[in-house]
């Protein structure tokens, strides 16, 4: 059974930075895509960024130039470096791994941007 555990959320002031981490366990075969999504209060869950095993990345327009996704394949871990945070980035951030036997999600980590 694949499990995803996120960490790194918290409260940060506008303009600040946070780094999220997500580690997958229960992995039998290589993970191709790892991603981050977020859901703000009253809104639908949306894509933030994805990264392939080979390092190809995709970002939502709203975070381009501010967020950076990276991964360490040997550790089945994906990171999200978030800079220049603003109030619109406030949300629960979820790690996602589409795997051969299902689509797996972490429980989420809260990111709050407020002064």
PDB file of N, CA and C in Angstrom:
ATOM      1  N   UNK A   1       0.844  -1.180   0.000  1.00  0.00           N
ATOM      2  CA  UNK A   1       0.000   0.000   0.000  1.00  0.00           C
ATOM      3  C   UNK A   1       0.892   1.248   0.000  1.00  0.00           C
ATOM      4  N   UNK A   2       0.661   2.110  -0.977  1.00  0.00           N
ATOM      5  CA  UNK A   2       1.437   3.353  -1.072  1.00  0.00           C
ATOM      6  C   UNK A   2       0.915   4.354  -0.059  1.00  0.00           C
ATOM      7  N   UNK A   3       1.818   4.983   0.645  1.00  0.00           N
ATOM      8  CA  UNK A   3       1.461   6.057   1.565  1.00  0.00           C
ATOM      9  C   UNK A   3       2.322   7.272   1.264  1.00  0.00           C
ATOM     10  N   UNK A   4       1.698   8.447   1.332  1.00  0.00           N
ATOM     11  CA  UNK A   4       2.393   9.705   1.093  1.00  0.00           C
ATOM     12  C   UNK A   4       2.315  10.546   2.357  1.00  0.00           C
ATOM     13  N   UNK A   5       3.452  11.038   2.794  1.00  0.00           N
ATOM     14  CA  UNK A   5       3.492  11.856   4.004  1.00  0.00           C
ATOM     15  C   UNK A   5       4.125  13.199   3.669  1.00  0.00           C
ATOM     16  N   UNK A   6       3.330  14.261   3.852  1.00  0.00           N
ATOM     17  CA  UNK A   6       3.796  15.620   3.581  1.00  0.00           C
ATOM     18  C   UNK A   6       4.280  16.277   4.869  1.00  0.00           C
ATOM     19  N   UNK A   7       5.153  17.243   4.702  1.00  0.00           N
ATOM     20  CA  UNK A   7       5.591  18.060   5.825  1.00  0.00           C
ATOM     21  C   UNK A   7       6.049  19.412   5.295  1.00  0.00           C
ATOM     22  N   UNK A   8       6.180  20.369   6.201  1.00  0.00           N
ATOM     23  CA  UNK A   8       6.750  21.651   5.836  1.00  0.00           C
ATOM     24  C   UNK A   8       5.786  22.809   5.768  1.00  0.00           C
ATOM     25  N   UNK A   9       4.505  22.562   5.951  1.00  0.00           N
ATOM     26  CA  UNK A   9       3.559  23.672   5.927  1.00  0.00           C
ATOM     27  C   UNK A   9       3.664  24.526   7.171  1.00  0.00           C
ATOM     28  N   UNK A  10       2.902  25.613   7.180  1.00  0.00           N
ATOM     29  CA  UNK A  10       2.910  26.493   8.339  1.00  0.00           C
ATOM     30  C   UNK A  10       2.411  27.871   8.009  1.00  0.00           C
ATOM     31  N   UNK A  11       2.647  28.784   8.923  1.00  0.00           N
ATOM     32  CA  UNK A  11       2.248  30.178   8.781  1.00  0.00           C
ATOM     33  C   UNK A  11       3.461  31.001   8.353  1.00  0.00           C
ATOM     34  N   UNK A  12       3.290  31.801   7.327  1.00  0.00           N
ATOM     35  CA  UNK A  12       4.383  32.627   6.822  1.00  0.00           C
ATOM     36  C   UNK A  12       3.834  33.993   6.426  1.00  0.00           C
ATOM     37  N   UNK A  13       4.661  34.987   6.541  1.00  0.00           N
ATOM     38  CA  UNK A  13       4.250  36.341   6.160  1.00  0.00           C
ATOM     39  C   UNK A  13       4.298  36.514   4.646  1.00  0.00           C
ATOM     40  N   UNK A  14       3.512  37.419   4.107  1.00  0.00           N
ATOM     41  CA  UNK A  14       3.592  37.702   2.663  1.00  0.00           C
ATOM     42  C   UNK A  14       5.024  38.034   2.258  1.00  0.00           C
ATOM     43  N   UNK A  15       5.425  37.456   1.139  1.00  0.00           N
ATOM     44  CA  UNK A  15       6.790  37.620   0.664  1.00  0.00           C
ATOM     45  C   UNK A  15       7.756  36.574   1.173  1.00  0.00           C
ATOM     46  N   UNK A  16       7.303  35.766   2.104  1.00  0.00           N
ATOM     47  CA  UNK A  16       8.162  34.749   2.699  1.00  0.00           C
ATOM     48  C   UNK A  16       8.242  33.488   1.879  1.00  0.00           C
ATOM     49  N   UNK A  17       8.937  32.501   2.431  1.00  0.00           N
ATOM     50  CA  UNK A  17       9.182  31.236   1.741  1.00  0.00           C
ATOM     51  C   UNK A  17       8.881  30.055   2.655  1.00  0.00           C
ATOM     52  N   UNK A  18       8.514  28.955   2.005  1.00  0.00           N
ATOM     53  CA  UNK A  18       8.343  27.675   2.687  1.00  0.00           C
ATOM     54  C   UNK A  18       8.801  26.577   1.749  1.00  0.00           C
ATOM     55  N   UNK A  19       9.199  25.465   2.329  1.00  0.00           N
ATOM     56  CA  UNK A  19       9.570  24.297   1.539  1.00  0.00           C
ATOM     57  C   UNK A  19       8.761  23.099   2.019  1.00  0.00           C
ATOM     58  N   UNK A  20       7.990  22.530   1.113  1.00  0.00           N
ATOM     59  CA  UNK A  20       7.210  21.346   1.410  1.00  0.00           C
ATOM     60  C   UNK A  20       7.960  20.098   0.959  1.00  0.00           C
ATOM     61  N   UNK A  21       7.755  19.020   1.712  1.00  0.00           N
ATOM     62  CA  UNK A  21       8.342  17.724   1.349  1.00  0.00           C
ATOM     63  C   UNK A  21       7.257  16.664   1.355  1.00  0.00           C
ATOM     64  N   UNK A  22       7.428  15.664   0.532  1.00  0.00           N
ATOM     65  CA  UNK A  22       6.499  14.529   0.501  1.00  0.00           C
ATOM     66  C   UNK A  22       7.298  13.277   0.182  1.00  0.00           C
ATOM     67  N   UNK A  23       7.178  12.283   1.041  1.00  0.00           N
ATOM     68  CA  UNK A  23       7.882  11.025   0.842  1.00  0.00           C
ATOM     69  C   UNK A  23       6.881   9.890   0.673  1.00  0.00           C
ATOM     70  N   UNK A  24       7.104   9.090  -0.345  1.00  0.00           N
ATOM     71  CA  UNK A  24       6.243   7.951  -0.623  1.00  0.00           C
ATOM     72  C   UNK A  24       6.863   6.675  -0.078  1.00  0.00           C
ATOM     73  N   UNK A  25       6.032   5.870   0.555  1.00  0.00           N
ATOM     74  CA  UNK A  25       6.475   4.561   1.042  1.00  0.00           C
ATOM     75  C   UNK A  25       5.595   3.476   0.434  1.00  0.00           C
ATOM     76  N   UNK A  26       6.042   2.242   0.560  1.00  0.00           N
ATOM     77  CA  UNK A  26       5.277   1.151  -0.038  1.00  0.00           C
ATOM     78  C   UNK A  26       5.452   1.060  -1.543  1.00  0.00           C
ATOM     79  N   UNK A  27       6.551   1.624  -2.036  1.00  0.00           N
ATOM     80  CA  UNK A  27       6.794   1.673  -3.476  1.00  0.00           C
ATOM     81  C   UNK A  27       7.511   0.408  -3.949  1.00  0.00           C
ATOM     82  N   UNK A  28       6.915  -0.265  -4.933  1.00  0.00           N
ATOM     83  CA  UNK A  28       7.522  -1.462  -5.500  1.00  0.00           C
ATOM     84  C   UNK A  28       8.174  -1.190  -6.848  1.00  0.00           C
ATOM     85  N   UNK A  29       7.585  -0.284  -7.608  1.00  0.00           N
ATOM     86  CA  UNK A  29       8.098   0.060  -8.929  1.00  0.00           C
ATOM     87  C   UNK A  29       8.380   1.549  -8.999  1.00  0.00           C
ATOM     88  N   UNK A  30       9.207   1.954  -9.926  1.00  0.00           N
ATOM     89  CA  UNK A  30       9.589   3.357 -10.038  1.00  0.00           C
ATOM     90  C   UNK A  30       8.370   4.255 -10.236  1.00  0.00           C
ATOM     91  N   UNK A  31       8.415   5.404  -9.587  1.00  0.00           N
ATOM     92  CA  UNK A  31       7.358   6.399  -9.743  1.00  0.00           C
ATOM     93  C   UNK A  31       7.709   7.283 -10.919  1.00  0.00           C
ATOM     94  N   UNK A  32       6.771   7.473 -11.859  1.00  0.00           N
ATOM     95  CA  UNK A  32       7.033   8.358 -12.982  1.00  0.00           C
ATOM     96  C   UNK A  32       6.753   9.810 -12.602  1.00  0.00           C
ATOM     97  N   UNK A  33       5.528  10.114 -12.293  1.00  0.00           N
ATOM     98  CA  UNK A  33       5.142  11.494 -12.011  1.00  0.00           C
ATOM     99  C   UNK A  33       4.841  11.682 -10.522  1.00  0.00           C
ATOM    100  N   UNK A  34       5.333  12.770  -9.975  1.00  0.00           N
ATOM    101  CA  UNK A  34       4.976  13.204  -8.627  1.00  0.00           C
ATOM    102  C   UNK A  34       4.504  14.643  -8.732  1.00  0.00           C
ATOM    103  N   UNK A  35       3.527  14.989  -7.919  1.00  0.00           N
ATOM    104  CA  UNK A  35       2.986  16.336  -8.063  1.00  0.00           C
ATOM    105  C   UNK A  35       2.469  16.928  -6.775  1.00  0.00           C
ATOM    106  N   UNK A  36       2.216  18.210  -6.845  1.00  0.00           N
ATOM    107  CA  UNK A  36       1.601  18.961  -5.760  1.00  0.00           C
ATOM    108  C   UNK A  36       0.325  19.624  -6.270  1.00  0.00           C
ATOM    109  N   UNK A  37      -0.713  19.542  -5.466  1.00  0.00           N
ATOM    110  CA  UNK A  37      -1.973  20.213  -5.714  1.00  0.00           C
ATOM    111  C   UNK A  37      -2.305  21.028  -4.477  1.00  0.00           C
ATOM    112  N   UNK A  38      -3.260  21.922  -4.623  1.00  0.00           N
ATOM    113  CA  UNK A  38      -3.693  22.685  -3.458  1.00  0.00           C
ATOM    114  C   UNK A  38      -5.183  22.970  -3.533  1.00  0.00           C
ATOM    115  N   UNK A  39      -5.760  23.161  -2.364  1.00  0.00           N
ATOM    116  CA  UNK A  39      -7.178  23.485  -2.288  1.00  0.00           C
ATOM    117  C   UNK A  39      -7.378  24.584  -1.261  1.00  0.00           C
ATOM    118  N   UNK A  40      -7.840  25.715  -1.745  1.00  0.00           N
ATOM    119  CA  UNK A  40      -8.157  26.838  -0.877  1.00  0.00           C
ATOM    120  C   UNK A  40      -9.603  26.726  -0.403  1.00  0.00           C
ATOM    121  N   UNK A  41      -9.936  27.385   0.707  1.00  0.00           N
ATOM    122  CA  UNK A  41     -11.307  27.318   1.217  1.00  0.00           C
ATOM    123  C   UNK A  41     -12.322  27.761   0.168  1.00  0.00           C
ATOM    124  N   UNK A  42     -13.338  26.934  -0.046  1.00  0.00           N
ATOM    125  CA  UNK A  42     -14.389  27.276  -0.987  1.00  0.00           C
ATOM    126  C   UNK A  42     -14.028  27.100  -2.442  1.00  0.00           C
ATOM    127  N   UNK A  43     -12.848  26.553  -2.707  1.00  0.00           N
ATOM    128  CA  UNK A  43     -12.417  26.378  -4.094  1.00  0.00           C
ATOM    129  C   UNK A  43     -12.114  24.908  -4.374  1.00  0.00           C
ATOM    130  N   UNK A  44     -12.055  24.576  -5.651  1.00  0.00           N
ATOM    131  CA  UNK A  44     -11.720  23.216  -6.046  1.00  0.00           C
ATOM    132  C   UNK A  44     -10.207  22.992  -5.939  1.00  0.00           C
ATOM    133  N   UNK A  45      -9.849  21.728  -5.809  1.00  0.00           N
ATOM    134  CA  UNK A  45      -8.435  21.381  -5.786  1.00  0.00           C
ATOM    135  C   UNK A  45      -7.827  21.695  -7.161  1.00  0.00           C
ATOM    136  N   UNK A  46      -6.632  22.289  -7.163  1.00  0.00           N
ATOM    137  CA  UNK A  46      -5.993  22.669  -8.419  1.00  0.00           C
ATOM    138  C   UNK A  46      -4.542  22.212  -8.456  1.00  0.00           C
ATOM    139  N   UNK A  47      -4.080  21.997  -9.667  1.00  0.00           N
ATOM    140  CA  UNK A  47      -2.701  21.613  -9.872  1.00  0.00           C
ATOM    141  C   UNK A  47      -1.767  22.766  -9.523  1.00  0.00           C
ATOM    142  N   UNK A  48      -0.687  22.457  -8.817  1.00  0.00           N
ATOM    143  CA  UNK A  48       0.361  23.438  -8.560  1.00  0.00           C
ATOM    144  C   UNK A  48       1.560  23.148  -9.462  1.00  0.00           C
ATOM    145  N   UNK A  49       2.072  21.919  -9.377  1.00  0.00           N
ATOM    146  CA  UNK A  49       3.241  21.554 -10.175  1.00  0.00           C
ATOM    147  C   UNK A  49       3.391  20.039 -10.221  1.00  0.00           C
ATOM    148  N   UNK A  50       3.985  19.561 -11.301  1.00  0.00           N
ATOM    149  CA  UNK A  50       4.324  18.149 -11.413  1.00  0.00           C
ATOM    150  C   UNK A  50       5.750  18.011 -11.922  1.00  0.00           C
ATOM    151  N   UNK A  51       6.330  16.844 -11.650  1.00  0.00           N
ATOM    152  CA  UNK A  51       7.681  16.560 -12.113  1.00  0.00           C
ATOM    153  C   UNK A  51       7.771  15.078 -12.467  1.00  0.00           C
ATOM    154  N   UNK A  52       8.397  14.785 -13.603  1.00  0.00           N
ATOM    155  CA  UNK A  52       8.582  13.402 -14.010  1.00  0.00           C
ATOM    156  C   UNK A  52       9.876  12.846 -13.418  1.00  0.00           C
ATOM    157  N   UNK A  53      10.021  11.548 -13.545  1.00  0.00           N
ATOM    158  CA  UNK A  53      11.219  10.913 -13.032  1.00  0.00           C
ATOM    159  C   UNK A  53      12.472  11.479 -13.700  1.00  0.00           C
ATOM    160  N   UNK A  54      12.328  11.879 -14.939  1.00  0.00           N
ATOM    161  CA  UNK A  54      13.462  12.440 -15.660  1.00  0.00           C
ATOM    162  C   UNK A  54      13.704  13.916 -15.405  1.00  0.00           C
ATOM    163  N   UNK A  55      12.808  14.531 -14.628  1.00  0.00           N
ATOM    164  CA  UNK A  55      13.023  15.924 -14.256  1.00  0.00           C
ATOM    165  C   UNK A  55      12.232  16.957 -15.035  1.00  0.00           C
ATOM    166  N   UNK A  56      11.357  16.503 -15.926  1.00  0.00           N
ATOM    167  CA  UNK A  56      10.524  17.467 -16.647  1.00  0.00           C
ATOM    168  C   UNK A  56       9.461  18.015 -15.706  1.00  0.00           C
ATOM    169  N   UNK A  57       9.267  19.327 -15.755  1.00  0.00           N
ATOM    170  CA  UNK A  57       8.358  19.978 -14.818  1.00  0.00           C
ATOM    171  C   UNK A  57       7.218  20.691 -15.534  1.00  0.00           C
ATOM    172  N   UNK A  58       6.146  20.870 -14.778  1.00  0.00           N
ATOM    173  CA  UNK A  58       4.976  21.603 -15.264  1.00  0.00           C
ATOM    174  C   UNK A  58       4.431  22.405 -14.094  1.00  0.00           C
ATOM    175  N   UNK A  59       4.111  23.686 -14.351  1.00  0.00           N
ATOM    176  CA  UNK A  59       3.636  24.561 -13.286  1.00  0.00           C
ATOM    177  C   UNK A  59       2.325  25.236 -13.668  1.00  0.00           C
ATOM    178  N   UNK A  60       1.523  25.494 -12.661  1.00  0.00           N
ATOM    179  CA  UNK A  60       0.367  26.367 -12.858  1.00  0.00           C
ATOM    180  C   UNK A  60       0.882  27.773 -13.140  1.00  0.00           C
ATOM    181  N   UNK A  61       0.166  28.501 -13.982  1.00  0.00           N
ATOM    182  CA  UNK A  61       0.604  29.852 -14.337  1.00  0.00           C
ATOM    183  C   UNK A  61       0.751  30.737 -13.100  1.00  0.00           C
ATOM    184  N   UNK A  62      -0.094  30.508 -12.115  1.00  0.00           N
ATOM    185  CA  UNK A  62      -0.110  31.366 -10.934  1.00  0.00           C
ATOM    186  C   UNK A  62       1.143  31.222 -10.065  1.00  0.00           C
ATOM    187  N   UNK A  63       1.911  30.148 -10.260  1.00  0.00           N
ATOM    188  CA  UNK A  63       3.087  29.937  -9.415  1.00  0.00           C
ATOM    189  C   UNK A  63       4.394  29.974 -10.200  1.00  0.00           C
ATOM    190  N   UNK A  64       4.308  30.087 -11.515  1.00  0.00           N
ATOM    191  CA  UNK A  64       5.530  30.120 -12.330  1.00  0.00           C
ATOM    192  C   UNK A  64       6.440  31.253 -11.898  1.00  0.00           C
ATOM    193  N   UNK A  65       7.717  30.933 -11.757  1.00  0.00           N
ATOM    194  CA  UNK A  65       8.697  31.923 -11.358  1.00  0.00           C
ATOM    195  C   UNK A  65       8.811  32.109  -9.853  1.00  0.00           C
ATOM    196  N   UNK A  66       7.874  31.529  -9.102  1.00  0.00           N
ATOM    197  CA  UNK A  66       7.917  31.653  -7.637  1.00  0.00           C
ATOM    198  C   UNK A  66       8.121  30.312  -6.958  1.00  0.00           C
ATOM    199  N   UNK A  67       7.549  29.251  -7.520  1.00  0.00           N
ATOM    200  CA  UNK A  67       7.645  27.914  -6.936  1.00  0.00           C
ATOM    201  C   UNK A  67       8.573  27.054  -7.780  1.00  0.00           C
ATOM    202  N   UNK A  68       9.274  26.151  -7.103  1.00  0.00           N
ATOM    203  CA  UNK A  68      10.133  25.188  -7.788  1.00  0.00           C
ATOM    204  C   UNK A  68       9.886  23.798  -7.240  1.00  0.00           C
ATOM    205  N   UNK A  69       9.563  22.870  -8.139  1.00  0.00           N
ATOM    206  CA  UNK A  69       9.373  21.479  -7.746  1.00  0.00           C
ATOM    207  C   UNK A  69      10.641  20.701  -8.070  1.00  0.00           C
ATOM    208  N   UNK A  70      11.006  19.798  -7.182  1.00  0.00           N
ATOM    209  CA  UNK A  70      12.176  18.949  -7.392  1.00  0.00           C
ATOM    210  C   UNK A  70      11.924  17.607  -6.729  1.00  0.00           C
ATOM    211  N   UNK A  71      12.789  16.644  -7.003  1.00  0.00           N
ATOM    212  CA  UNK A  71      12.601  15.322  -6.408  1.00  0.00           C
ATOM    213  C   UNK A  71      13.927  14.601  -6.276  1.00  0.00           C
ATOM    214  N   UNK A  72      13.965  13.652  -5.380  1.00  0.00           N
ATOM    215  CA  UNK A  72      15.089  12.741  -5.230  1.00  0.00           C
ATOM    216  C   UNK A  72      14.531  11.346  -5.456  1.00  0.00           C
ATOM    217  N   UNK A  73      14.802  10.797  -6.619  1.00  0.00           N
ATOM    218  CA  UNK A  73      14.199   9.518  -6.989  1.00  0.00           C
ATOM    219  C   UNK A  73      14.558   8.395  -6.020  1.00  0.00           C
ATOM    220  N   UNK A  74      15.795   8.377  -5.586  1.00  0.00           N
ATOM    221  CA  UNK A  74      16.247   7.304  -4.702  1.00  0.00           C
ATOM    222  C   UNK A  74      15.514   7.319  -3.363  1.00  0.00           C
ATOM    223  N   UNK A  75      14.963   8.468  -3.007  1.00  0.00           N
ATOM    224  CA  UNK A  75      14.242   8.597  -1.737  1.00  0.00           C
ATOM    225  C   UNK A  75      12.736   8.653  -1.932  1.00  0.00           C
ATOM    226  N   UNK A  76      12.274   8.542  -3.186  1.00  0.00           N
ATOM    227  CA  UNK A  76      10.838   8.674  -3.480  1.00  0.00           C
ATOM    228  C   UNK A  76      10.253   9.916  -2.824  1.00  0.00           C
ATOM    229  N   UNK A  77      10.993  10.991  -2.912  1.00  0.00           N
ATOM    230  CA  UNK A  77      10.622  12.235  -2.245  1.00  0.00           C
ATOM    231  C   UNK A  77      10.532  13.368  -3.255  1.00  0.00           C
ATOM    232  N   UNK A  78       9.503  14.173  -3.096  1.00  0.00           N
ATOM    233  CA  UNK A  78       9.311  15.355  -3.925  1.00  0.00           C
ATOM    234  C   UNK A  78       9.236  16.579  -3.025  1.00  0.00           C
ATOM    235  N   UNK A  79       9.769  17.682  -3.519  1.00  0.00           N
ATOM    236  CA  UNK A  79       9.809  18.929  -2.752  1.00  0.00           C
ATOM    237  C   UNK A  79       9.090  20.026  -3.531  1.00  0.00           C
ATOM    238  N   UNK A  80       8.642  21.021  -2.796  1.00  0.00           N
ATOM    239  CA  UNK A  80       8.080  22.216  -3.409  1.00  0.00           C
ATOM    240  C   UNK A  80       8.639  23.419  -2.665  1.00  0.00           C
ATOM    241  N   UNK A  81       9.550  24.114  -3.314  1.00  0.00           N
ATOM    242  CA  UNK A  81      10.099  25.345  -2.754  1.00  0.00           C
ATOM    243  C   UNK A  81       9.192  26.488  -3.181  1.00  0.00           C
ATOM    244  N   UNK A  82       8.635  27.195  -2.207  1.00  0.00           N
ATOM    245  CA  UNK A  82       7.687  28.258  -2.475  1.00  0.00           C
ATOM    246  C   UNK A  82       8.269  29.583  -2.001  1.00  0.00           C
ATOM    247  N   UNK A  83       8.484  30.497  -2.925  1.00  0.00           N
ATOM    248  CA  UNK A  83       9.025  31.817  -2.617  1.00  0.00           C
ATOM    249  C   UNK A  83       8.011  32.895  -2.966  1.00  0.00           C
ATOM    250  N   UNK A  84       8.233  34.075  -2.441  1.00  0.00           N
ATOM    251  CA  UNK A  84       7.355  35.226  -2.721  1.00  0.00           C
ATOM    252  C   UNK A  84       5.893  34.870  -2.496  1.00  0.00           C
ATOM    253  N   UNK A  85       5.633  34.241  -1.385  1.00  0.00           N
ATOM    254  CA  UNK A  85       4.269  33.792  -1.087  1.00  0.00           C
ATOM    255  C   UNK A  85       3.344  34.991  -0.862  1.00  0.00           C
ATOM    256  N   UNK A  86       2.098  34.812  -1.278  1.00  0.00           N
ATOM    257  CA  UNK A  86       1.083  35.832  -1.038  1.00  0.00           C
ATOM    258  C   UNK A  86      -0.186  35.171  -0.509  1.00  0.00           C
ATOM    259  N   UNK A  87      -1.141  35.994  -0.139  1.00  0.00           N
ATOM    260  CA  UNK A  87      -2.353  35.478   0.504  1.00  0.00           C
ATOM    261  C   UNK A  87      -3.093  34.470  -0.373  1.00  0.00           C
ATOM    262  N   UNK A  88      -2.998  34.649  -1.683  1.00  0.00           N
ATOM    263  CA  UNK A  88      -3.694  33.740  -2.603  1.00  0.00           C
ATOM    264  C   UNK A  88      -3.080  32.331  -2.612  1.00  0.00           C
ATOM    265  N   UNK A  89      -1.919  32.183  -2.016  1.00  0.00           N
ATOM    266  CA  UNK A  89      -1.292  30.863  -1.922  1.00  0.00           C
ATOM    267  C   UNK A  89      -1.784  30.080  -0.702  1.00  0.00           C
ATOM    268  N   UNK A  90      -2.566  30.723   0.141  1.00  0.00           N
ATOM    269  CA  UNK A  90      -3.098  30.042   1.317  1.00  0.00           C
ATOM    270  C   UNK A  90      -4.007  28.904   0.895  1.00  0.00           C
ATOM    271  N   UNK A  91      -3.685  27.698   1.368  1.00  0.00           N
ATOM    272  CA  UNK A  91      -4.433  26.513   0.960  1.00  0.00           C
ATOM    273  C   UNK A  91      -3.877  25.302   1.695  1.00  0.00           C
ATOM    274  N   UNK A  92      -4.578  24.201   1.572  1.00  0.00           N
ATOM    275  CA  UNK A  92      -4.016  22.915   1.960  1.00  0.00           C
ATOM    276  C   UNK A  92      -3.318  22.341   0.735  1.00  0.00           C
ATOM    277  N   UNK A  93      -2.080  21.962   0.902  1.00  0.00           N
ATOM    278  CA  UNK A  93      -1.278  21.438  -0.199  1.00  0.00           C
ATOM    279  C   UNK A  93      -1.192  19.914  -0.086  1.00  0.00           C
ATOM    280  N   UNK A  94      -1.482  19.251  -1.208  1.00  0.00           N
ATOM    281  CA  UNK A  94      -1.518  17.801  -1.252  1.00  0.00           C
ATOM    282  C   UNK A  94      -0.468  17.257  -2.215  1.00  0.00           C
ATOM    283  N   UNK A  95       0.190  16.214  -1.781  1.00  0.00           N
ATOM    284  CA  UNK A  95       1.109  15.483  -2.639  1.00  0.00           C
ATOM    285  C   UNK A  95       0.325  14.421  -3.405  1.00  0.00           C
ATOM    286  N   UNK A  96       0.674  14.203  -4.664  1.00  0.00           N
ATOM    287  CA  UNK A  96      -0.025  13.226  -5.499  1.00  0.00           C
ATOM    288  C   UNK A  96       0.951  12.350  -6.260  1.00  0.00           C
ATOM    289  N   UNK A  97       0.641  11.065  -6.289  1.00  0.00           N
ATOM    290  CA  UNK A  97       1.432  10.117  -7.076  1.00  0.00           C
ATOM    291  C   UNK A  97       0.474   9.208  -7.849  1.00  0.00           C
ATOM    292  N   UNK A  98       0.419   9.394  -9.164  1.00  0.00           N
ATOM    293  CA  UNK A  98      -0.324   8.429  -9.979  1.00  0.00           C
ATOM    294  C   UNK A  98       0.547   7.177 -10.121  1.00  0.00           C
ATOM    295  N   UNK A  99       0.036   6.046  -9.640  1.00  0.00           N
ATOM    296  CA  UNK A  99       0.844   4.830  -9.614  1.00  0.00           C
ATOM    297  C   UNK A  99       0.145   3.765 -10.431  1.00  0.00           C
ATOM    298  N   UNK A 100       0.820   2.637 -10.669  1.00  0.00           N
ATOM    299  CA  UNK A 100       0.271   1.620 -11.550  1.00  0.00           C
ATOM    300  C   UNK A 100      -1.029   1.027 -11.015  1.00  0.00           C
ATOM    301  N   UNK A 101      -1.207   1.071  -9.704  1.00  0.00           N
ATOM    302  CA  UNK A 101      -2.394   0.455  -9.107  1.00  0.00           C
ATOM    303  C   UNK A 101      -3.336   1.468  -8.473  1.00  0.00           C
ATOM    304  N   UNK A 102      -3.165   2.723  -8.820  1.00  0.00           N
ATOM    305  CA  UNK A 102      -4.079   3.724  -8.276  1.00  0.00           C
ATOM    306  C   UNK A 102      -3.476   5.103  -8.223  1.00  0.00           C
ATOM    307  N   UNK A 103      -4.327   6.067  -7.848  1.00  0.00           N
ATOM    308  CA  UNK A 103      -3.935   7.467  -7.730  1.00  0.00           C
ATOM    309  C   UNK A 103      -3.873   7.789  -6.241  1.00  0.00           C
ATOM    310  N   UNK A 104      -2.687   8.095  -5.741  1.00  0.00           N
ATOM    311  CA  UNK A 104      -2.507   8.247  -4.311  1.00  0.00           C
ATOM    312  C   UNK A 104      -2.329   9.712  -3.923  1.00  0.00           C
ATOM    313  N   UNK A 105      -2.882  10.031  -2.750  1.00  0.00           N
ATOM    314  CA  UNK A 105      -2.839  11.396  -2.217  1.00  0.00           C
ATOM    315  C   UNK A 105      -2.358  11.376  -0.779  1.00  0.00           C
ATOM    316  N   UNK A 106      -1.611  12.410  -0.400  1.00  0.00           N
ATOM    317  CA  UNK A 106      -1.284  12.603   0.988  1.00  0.00           C
ATOM    318  C   UNK A 106      -2.464  13.221   1.722  1.00  0.00           C
ATOM    319  N   UNK A 107      -2.322  13.376   3.021  1.00  0.00           N
ATOM    320  CA  UNK A 107      -3.400  13.954   3.832  1.00  0.00           C
ATOM    321  C   UNK A 107      -3.429  15.470   3.755  1.00  0.00           C
ATOM    322  N   UNK A 108      -2.365  16.060   3.243  1.00  0.00           N
ATOM    323  CA  UNK A 108      -2.325  17.495   3.078  1.00  0.00           C
ATOM    324  C   UNK A 108      -1.589  18.212   4.188  1.00  0.00           C
ATOM    325  N   UNK A 109      -1.019  19.344   3.842  1.00  0.00           N
ATOM    326  CA  UNK A 109      -0.354  20.193   4.823  1.00  0.00           C
ATOM    327  C   UNK A 109      -0.818  21.632   4.598  1.00  0.00           C
ATOM    328  N   UNK A 110      -1.168  22.297   5.679  1.00  0.00           N
ATOM    329  CA  UNK A 110      -1.743  23.644   5.587  1.00  0.00           C
ATOM    330  C   UNK A 110      -0.638  24.682   5.391  1.00  0.00           C
ATOM    331  N   UNK A 111      -0.843  25.548   4.423  1.00  0.00           N
ATOM    332  CA  UNK A 111       0.016  26.709   4.211  1.00  0.00           C
ATOM    333  C   UNK A 111      -0.849  27.950   4.365  1.00  0.00           C
ATOM    334  N   UNK A 112      -0.463  28.807   5.289  1.00  0.00           N
ATOM    335  CA  UNK A 112      -1.207  30.038   5.535  1.00  0.00           C
ATOM    336  C   UNK A 112      -0.259  31.218   5.375  1.00  0.00           C
ATOM    337  N   UNK A 113      -0.628  32.137   4.488  1.00  0.00           N
ATOM    338  CA  UNK A 113       0.172  33.336   4.249  1.00  0.00           C
ATOM    339  C   UNK A 113      -0.605  34.520   4.805  1.00  0.00           C
ATOM    340  N   UNK A 114      -0.056  35.098   5.854  1.00  0.00           N
ATOM    341  CA  UNK A 114      -0.761  36.179   6.531  1.00  0.00           C
ATOM    342  C   UNK A 114       0.213  37.005   7.349  1.00  0.00           C
ATOM    343  N   UNK A 115      -0.088  38.297   7.450  1.00  0.00           N
ATOM    344  CA  UNK A 115       0.731  39.164   8.286  1.00  0.00           C
ATOM    345  C   UNK A 115       0.149  39.267   9.687  1.00  0.00           C
TER     346      UNK A 115
END
